[in-house]
Amino acid sequence: MITLVTGAAGFLGIRLVRRLLSEGHEVRGIDRIPMPSILSDLRGLNWIQRDLSSEILYPTEVLGVD
C-alpha cells in the first residue's frame, strides 16, 4: 500500500510516517521544507518538497497512492 502524507515534516507527520513505514507501507511524504534528517535513513519513503498552498501535485506523483 502506498500512503500519501501531507505535512510529513511536522510533529505529527514525522510520527505518522515512521509508524506507517514500520508497518510495511510505502510512504510519499509531502512538505514545503526539505526532508528532515530524522527521516533520511528510512527505507520506503519518497519525499516530495512542495508547498501545497501555492503549487499542485502532478498525476505521476500520486500514481498508485491508495
PDB file of N, CA and C in Angstrom:
ATOM      1  N   MET A   1       0.838  -1.173   0.000  1.00  0.00           N
ATOM      2  CA  MET A   1       0.000   0.000   0.000  1.00  0.00           C
ATOM      3  C   MET A   1       0.886   1.240   0.000  1.00  0.00           C
ATOM      4  N   ILE A   2       0.543   2.210  -0.834  1.00  0.00           N
ATOM      5  CA  ILE A   2       1.262   3.483  -0.873  1.00  0.00           C
ATOM      6  C   ILE A   2       0.381   4.529  -0.208  1.00  0.00           C
ATOM      7  N   THR A   3       0.933   5.193   0.791  1.00  0.00           N
ATOM      8  CA  THR A   3       0.197   6.200   1.542  1.00  0.00           C
ATOM      9  C   THR A   3       0.821   7.569   1.317  1.00  0.00           C
ATOM     10  N   LEU A   4      -0.009   8.569   1.098  1.00  0.00           N
ATOM     11  CA  LEU A   4       0.432   9.944   0.902  1.00  0.00           C
ATOM     12  C   LEU A   4       0.221  10.704   2.201  1.00  0.00           C
ATOM     13  N   VAL A   5       1.287  11.303   2.732  1.00  0.00           N
ATOM     14  CA  VAL A   5       1.200  12.047   3.988  1.00  0.00           C
ATOM     15  C   VAL A   5       1.573  13.495   3.711  1.00  0.00           C
ATOM     16  N   THR A   6       0.613  14.394   3.859  1.00  0.00           N
ATOM     17  CA  THR A   6       0.913  15.819   3.722  1.00  0.00           C
ATOM     18  C   THR A   6       1.343  16.347   5.082  1.00  0.00           C
ATOM     19  N   GLY A   7       2.217  17.333   5.074  1.00  0.00           N
ATOM     20  CA  GLY A   7       2.758  17.842   6.335  1.00  0.00           C
ATOM     21  C   GLY A   7       3.668  16.822   6.998  1.00  0.00           C
ATOM     22  N   ALA A   8       4.374  16.049   6.188  1.00  0.00           N
ATOM     23  CA  ALA A   8       5.167  14.928   6.687  1.00  0.00           C
ATOM     24  C   ALA A   8       6.357  15.340   7.548  1.00  0.00           C
ATOM     25  N   ALA A   9       6.761  16.596   7.507  1.00  0.00           N
ATOM     26  CA  ALA A   9       7.894  17.047   8.323  1.00  0.00           C
ATOM     27  C   ALA A   9       7.436  17.659   9.641  1.00  0.00           C
ATOM     28  N   GLY A  10       6.141  17.708   9.860  1.00  0.00           N
ATOM     29  CA  GLY A  10       5.610  18.284  11.091  1.00  0.00           C
ATOM     30  C   GLY A  10       5.672  17.306  12.255  1.00  0.00           C
ATOM     31  N   PHE A  11       5.274  17.774  13.417  1.00  0.00           N
ATOM     32  CA  PHE A  11       5.314  16.979  14.642  1.00  0.00           C
ATOM     33  C   PHE A  11       4.552  15.668  14.483  1.00  0.00           C
ATOM     34  N   LEU A  12       3.317  15.737  14.025  1.00  0.00           N
ATOM     35  CA  LEU A  12       2.519  14.528  13.830  1.00  0.00           C
ATOM     36  C   LEU A  12       2.922  13.775  12.570  1.00  0.00           C
ATOM     37  N   GLY A  13       3.266  14.511  11.523  1.00  0.00           N
ATOM     38  CA  GLY A  13       3.628  13.894  10.256  1.00  0.00           C
ATOM     39  C   GLY A  13       4.813  12.959  10.381  1.00  0.00           C
ATOM     40  N   ILE A  14       5.845  13.378  11.086  1.00  0.00           N
ATOM     41  CA  ILE A  14       7.032  12.537  11.274  1.00  0.00           C
ATOM     42  C   ILE A  14       6.662  11.240  11.970  1.00  0.00           C
ATOM     43  N   ARG A  15       5.845  11.328  12.996  1.00  0.00           N
ATOM     44  CA  ARG A  15       5.442  10.132  13.732  1.00  0.00           C
ATOM     45  C   ARG A  15       4.571   9.207  12.882  1.00  0.00           C
ATOM     46  N   LEU A  16       3.681   9.799  12.084  1.00  0.00           N
ATOM     47  CA  LEU A  16       2.830   9.004  11.204  1.00  0.00           C
ATOM     48  C   LEU A  16       3.661   8.293  10.130  1.00  0.00           C
ATOM     49  N   VAL A  17       4.605   8.999   9.532  1.00  0.00           N
ATOM     50  CA  VAL A  17       5.477   8.403   8.518  1.00  0.00           C
ATOM     51  C   VAL A  17       6.246   7.231   9.103  1.00  0.00           C
ATOM     52  N   ARG A  18       6.841   7.420  10.257  1.00  0.00           N
ATOM     53  CA  ARG A  18       7.623   6.351  10.891  1.00  0.00           C
ATOM     54  C   ARG A  18       6.747   5.135  11.212  1.00  0.00           C
ATOM     55  N   ARG A  19       5.548   5.383  11.689  1.00  0.00           N
ATOM     56  CA  ARG A  19       4.623   4.281  12.029  1.00  0.00           C
ATOM     57  C   ARG A  19       4.207   3.508  10.785  1.00  0.00           C
ATOM     58  N   LEU A  20       3.819   4.236   9.737  1.00  0.00           N
ATOM     59  CA  LEU A  20       3.409   3.574   8.501  1.00  0.00           C
ATOM     60  C   LEU A  20       4.542   2.737   7.911  1.00  0.00           C
ATOM     61  N   LEU A  21       5.749   3.282   7.911  1.00  0.00           N
ATOM     62  CA  LEU A  21       6.895   2.541   7.388  1.00  0.00           C
ATOM     63  C   LEU A  21       7.178   1.298   8.227  1.00  0.00           C
ATOM     64  N   SER A  22       7.042   1.410   9.538  1.00  0.00           N
ATOM     65  CA  SER A  22       7.294   0.251  10.409  1.00  0.00           C
ATOM     66  C   SER A  22       6.263  -0.849  10.186  1.00  0.00           C
ATOM     67  N   GLU A  23       5.088  -0.486   9.674  1.00  0.00           N
ATOM     68  CA  GLU A  23       4.039  -1.466   9.391  1.00  0.00           C
ATOM     69  C   GLU A  23       4.121  -1.991   7.959  1.00  0.00           C
ATOM     70  N   GLY A  24       5.167  -1.579   7.219  1.00  0.00           N
ATOM     71  CA  GLY A  24       5.397  -2.114   5.893  1.00  0.00           C
ATOM     72  C   GLY A  24       4.795  -1.332   4.736  1.00  0.00           C
ATOM     73  N   HIS A  25       4.260  -0.169   5.016  1.00  0.00           N
ATOM     74  CA  HIS A  25       3.689   0.656   3.957  1.00  0.00           C
ATOM     75  C   HIS A  25       4.786   1.418   3.220  1.00  0.00           C
ATOM     76  N   GLU A  26       4.534   1.726   1.967  1.00  0.00           N
ATOM     77  CA  GLU A  26       5.386   2.659   1.229  1.00  0.00           C
ATOM     78  C   GLU A  26       4.752   4.033   1.440  1.00  0.00           C
ATOM     79  N   VAL A  27       5.571   5.055   1.682  1.00  0.00           N
ATOM     80  CA  VAL A  27       5.050   6.385   2.018  1.00  0.00           C
ATOM     81  C   VAL A  27       5.600   7.427   1.070  1.00  0.00           C
ATOM     82  N   ARG A  28       4.732   8.305   0.612  1.00  0.00           N
ATOM     83  CA  ARG A  28       5.139   9.509  -0.103  1.00  0.00           C
ATOM     84  C   ARG A  28       4.844  10.671   0.833  1.00  0.00           C
ATOM     85  N   GLY A  29       5.892  11.291   1.318  1.00  0.00           N
ATOM     86  CA  GLY A  29       5.763  12.410   2.235  1.00  0.00           C
ATOM     87  C   GLY A  29       5.866  13.725   1.485  1.00  0.00           C
ATOM     88  N   ILE A  30       4.965  14.629   1.792  1.00  0.00           N
ATOM     89  CA  ILE A  30       4.960  15.946   1.151  1.00  0.00           C
ATOM     90  C   ILE A  30       5.059  17.013   2.226  1.00  0.00           C
ATOM     91  N   ASP A  31       5.970  17.941   2.010  1.00  0.00           N
ATOM     92  CA  ASP A  31       6.076  19.107   2.871  1.00  0.00           C
ATOM     93  C   ASP A  31       6.793  20.205   2.100  1.00  0.00           C
ATOM     94  N   ARG A  32       6.670  21.427   2.596  1.00  0.00           N
ATOM     95  CA  ARG A  32       7.303  22.551   1.892  1.00  0.00           C
ATOM     96  C   ARG A  32       8.777  22.704   2.239  1.00  0.00           C
ATOM     97  N   ILE A  33       9.252  21.948   3.211  1.00  0.00           N
ATOM     98  CA  ILE A  33      10.670  22.014   3.583  1.00  0.00           C
ATOM     99  C   ILE A  33      11.371  20.728   3.125  1.00  0.00           C
ATOM    100  N   PRO A  34      12.689  20.766   3.022  1.00  0.00           N
ATOM    101  CA  PRO A  34      13.423  19.542   2.658  1.00  0.00           C
ATOM    102  C   PRO A  34      13.212  18.443   3.707  1.00  0.00           C
ATOM    103  N   MET A  35      13.468  17.210   3.315  1.00  0.00           N
ATOM    104  CA  MET A  35      13.278  16.094   4.234  1.00  0.00           C
ATOM    105  C   MET A  35      14.143  16.269   5.477  1.00  0.00           C
ATOM    106  N   PRO A  36      13.545  16.175   6.662  1.00  0.00           N
ATOM    107  CA  PRO A  36      14.336  16.280   7.891  1.00  0.00           C
ATOM    108  C   PRO A  36      15.320  15.121   8.009  1.00  0.00           C
ATOM    109  N   SER A  37      16.463  15.379   8.602  1.00  0.00           N
ATOM    110  CA  SER A  37      17.490  14.340   8.728  1.00  0.00           C
ATOM    111  C   SER A  37      16.998  13.146   9.537  1.00  0.00           C
ATOM    112  N   ILE A  38      16.037  13.360  10.415  1.00  0.00           N
ATOM    113  CA  ILE A  38      15.493  12.269  11.229  1.00  0.00           C
ATOM    114  C   ILE A  38      14.784  11.220  10.365  1.00  0.00           C
ATOM    115  N   LEU A  39      14.365  11.614   9.165  1.00  0.00           N
ATOM    116  CA  LEU A  39      13.680  10.692   8.259  1.00  0.00           C
ATOM    117  C   LEU A  39      14.569  10.192   7.124  1.00  0.00           C
ATOM    118  N   SER A  40      15.735  10.753   6.969  1.00  0.00           N
ATOM    119  CA  SER A  40      16.564  10.466   5.792  1.00  0.00           C
ATOM    120  C   SER A  40      17.064   9.024   5.717  1.00  0.00           C
ATOM    121  N   ASP A  41      17.101   8.316   6.822  1.00  0.00           N
ATOM    122  CA  ASP A  41      17.616   6.940   6.816  1.00  0.00           C
ATOM    123  C   ASP A  41      16.526   5.882   6.650  1.00  0.00           C
ATOM    124  N   LEU A  42      15.287   6.306   6.477  1.00  0.00           N
ATOM    125  CA  LEU A  42      14.181   5.360   6.406  1.00  0.00           C
ATOM    126  C   LEU A  42      13.970   4.847   4.986  1.00  0.00           C
ATOM    127  N   ARG A  43      13.849   3.539   4.859  1.00  0.00           N
ATOM    128  CA  ARG A  43      13.594   2.925   3.554  1.00  0.00           C
ATOM    129  C   ARG A  43      12.100   2.928   3.284  1.00  0.00           C
ATOM    130  N   GLY A  44      11.734   3.134   2.021  1.00  0.00           N
ATOM    131  CA  GLY A  44      10.328   3.126   1.639  1.00  0.00           C
ATOM    132  C   GLY A  44       9.684   4.492   1.640  1.00  0.00           C
ATOM    133  N   LEU A  45      10.487   5.530   1.894  1.00  0.00           N
ATOM    134  CA  LEU A  45       9.963   6.898   1.928  1.00  0.00           C
ATOM    135  C   LEU A  45      10.394   7.644   0.676  1.00  0.00           C
ATOM    136  N   ASN A  46       9.424   8.192  -0.015  1.00  0.00           N
ATOM    137  CA  ASN A  46       9.670   9.026  -1.187  1.00  0.00           C
ATOM    138  C   ASN A  46       9.249  10.442  -0.806  1.00  0.00           C
ATOM    139  N   TRP A  47      10.177  11.385  -0.849  1.00  0.00           N
ATOM    140  CA  TRP A  47       9.918  12.747  -0.388  1.00  0.00           C
ATOM    141  C   TRP A  47       9.611  13.680  -1.546  1.00  0.00           C
ATOM    142  N   ILE A  48       8.562  14.476  -1.399  1.00  0.00           N
ATOM    143  CA  ILE A  48       8.203  15.493  -2.379  1.00  0.00           C
ATOM    144  C   ILE A  48       8.199  16.836  -1.656  1.00  0.00           C
ATOM    145  N   GLN A  49       9.087  17.723  -2.082  1.00  0.00           N
ATOM    146  CA  GLN A  49       9.136  19.044  -1.471  1.00  0.00           C
ATOM    147  C   GLN A  49       8.251  19.973  -2.285  1.00  0.00           C
ATOM    148  N   ARG A  50       7.140  20.370  -1.680  1.00  0.00           N
ATOM    149  CA  ARG A  50       6.170  21.185  -2.405  1.00  0.00           C
ATOM    150  C   ARG A  50       5.321  21.950  -1.401  1.00  0.00           C
ATOM    151  N   ASP A  51       5.025  23.195  -1.702  1.00  0.00           N
ATOM    152  CA  ASP A  51       4.108  23.999  -0.893  1.00  0.00           C
ATOM    153  C   ASP A  51       2.721  23.878  -1.520  1.00  0.00           C
ATOM    154  N   LEU A  52       1.867  23.067  -0.911  1.00  0.00           N
ATOM    155  CA  LEU A  52       0.561  22.786  -1.490  1.00  0.00           C
ATOM    156  C   LEU A  52      -0.390  23.986  -1.458  1.00  0.00           C
ATOM    157  N   SER A  53      -0.030  25.036  -0.738  1.00  0.00           N
ATOM    158  CA  SER A  53      -0.882  26.226  -0.731  1.00  0.00           C
ATOM    159  C   SER A  53      -0.730  27.033  -2.012  1.00  0.00           C
ATOM    160  N   SER A  54       0.367  26.800  -2.744  1.00  0.00           N
ATOM    161  CA  SER A  54       0.576  27.569  -3.970  1.00  0.00           C
ATOM    162  C   SER A  54       1.022  26.738  -5.169  1.00  0.00           C
ATOM    163  N   GLU A  55       1.214  25.427  -4.973  1.00  0.00           N
ATOM    164  CA  GLU A  55       1.664  24.555  -6.054  1.00  0.00           C
ATOM    165  C   GLU A  55       0.767  23.328  -6.130  1.00  0.00           C
ATOM    166  N   ILE A  56       0.792  22.663  -7.263  1.00  0.00           N
ATOM    167  CA  ILE A  56      -0.032  21.471  -7.444  1.00  0.00           C
ATOM    168  C   ILE A  56       0.810  20.207  -7.409  1.00  0.00           C
ATOM    169  N   LEU A  57       0.145  19.098  -7.195  1.00  0.00           N
ATOM    170  CA  LEU A  57       0.793  17.800  -7.333  1.00  0.00           C
ATOM    171  C   LEU A  57       0.524  17.300  -8.744  1.00  0.00           C
ATOM    172  N   TYR A  58       1.497  16.702  -9.342  1.00  0.00           N
ATOM    173  CA  TYR A  58       1.352  16.174 -10.686  1.00  0.00           C
ATOM    174  C   TYR A  58       0.805  14.747 -10.620  1.00  0.00           C
ATOM    175  N   PRO A  59       0.054  14.352 -11.625  1.00  0.00           N
ATOM    176  CA  PRO A  59      -0.536  12.997 -11.621  1.00  0.00           C
ATOM    177  C   PRO A  59       0.483  11.882 -11.382  1.00  0.00           C
ATOM    178  N   THR A  60       1.691  12.028 -11.882  1.00  0.00           N
ATOM    179  CA  THR A  60       2.696  10.981 -11.691  1.00  0.00           C
ATOM    180  C   THR A  60       3.132  10.872 -10.234  1.00  0.00           C
ATOM    181  N   GLU A  61       2.968  11.945  -9.473  1.00  0.00           N
ATOM    182  CA  GLU A  61       3.369  11.935  -8.064  1.00  0.00           C
ATOM    183  C   GLU A  61       2.355  11.202  -7.187  1.00  0.00           C
ATOM    184  N   VAL A  62       1.135  11.107  -7.627  1.00  0.00           N
ATOM    185  CA  VAL A  62       0.114  10.423  -6.839  1.00  0.00           C
ATOM    186  C   VAL A  62      -0.307   9.088  -7.467  1.00  0.00           C
ATOM    187  N   LEU A  63       0.375   8.697  -8.520  1.00  0.00           N
ATOM    188  CA  LEU A  63       0.081   7.443  -9.186  1.00  0.00           C
ATOM    189  C   LEU A  63       0.307   6.274  -8.230  1.00  0.00           C
ATOM    190  N   GLY A  64      -0.682   5.446  -8.055  1.00  0.00           N
ATOM    191  CA  GLY A  64      -0.575   4.287  -7.197  1.00  0.00           C
ATOM    192  C   GLY A  64      -0.868   4.525  -5.730  1.00  0.00           C
ATOM    193  N   VAL A  65      -1.172   5.764  -5.353  1.00  0.00           N
ATOM    194  CA  VAL A  65      -1.477   6.069  -3.952  1.00  0.00           C
ATOM    195  C   VAL A  65      -2.848   5.513  -3.613  1.00  0.00           C
ATOM    196  N   ASP A  66      -2.929   4.837  -2.450  1.00  0.00           N
ATOM    197  CA  ASP A  66      -4.204   4.244  -2.031  1.00  0.00           C
ATOM    198  C   ASP A  66      -5.046   5.239  -1.317  1.00  0.00           C
TER     199      ASP A  66
END
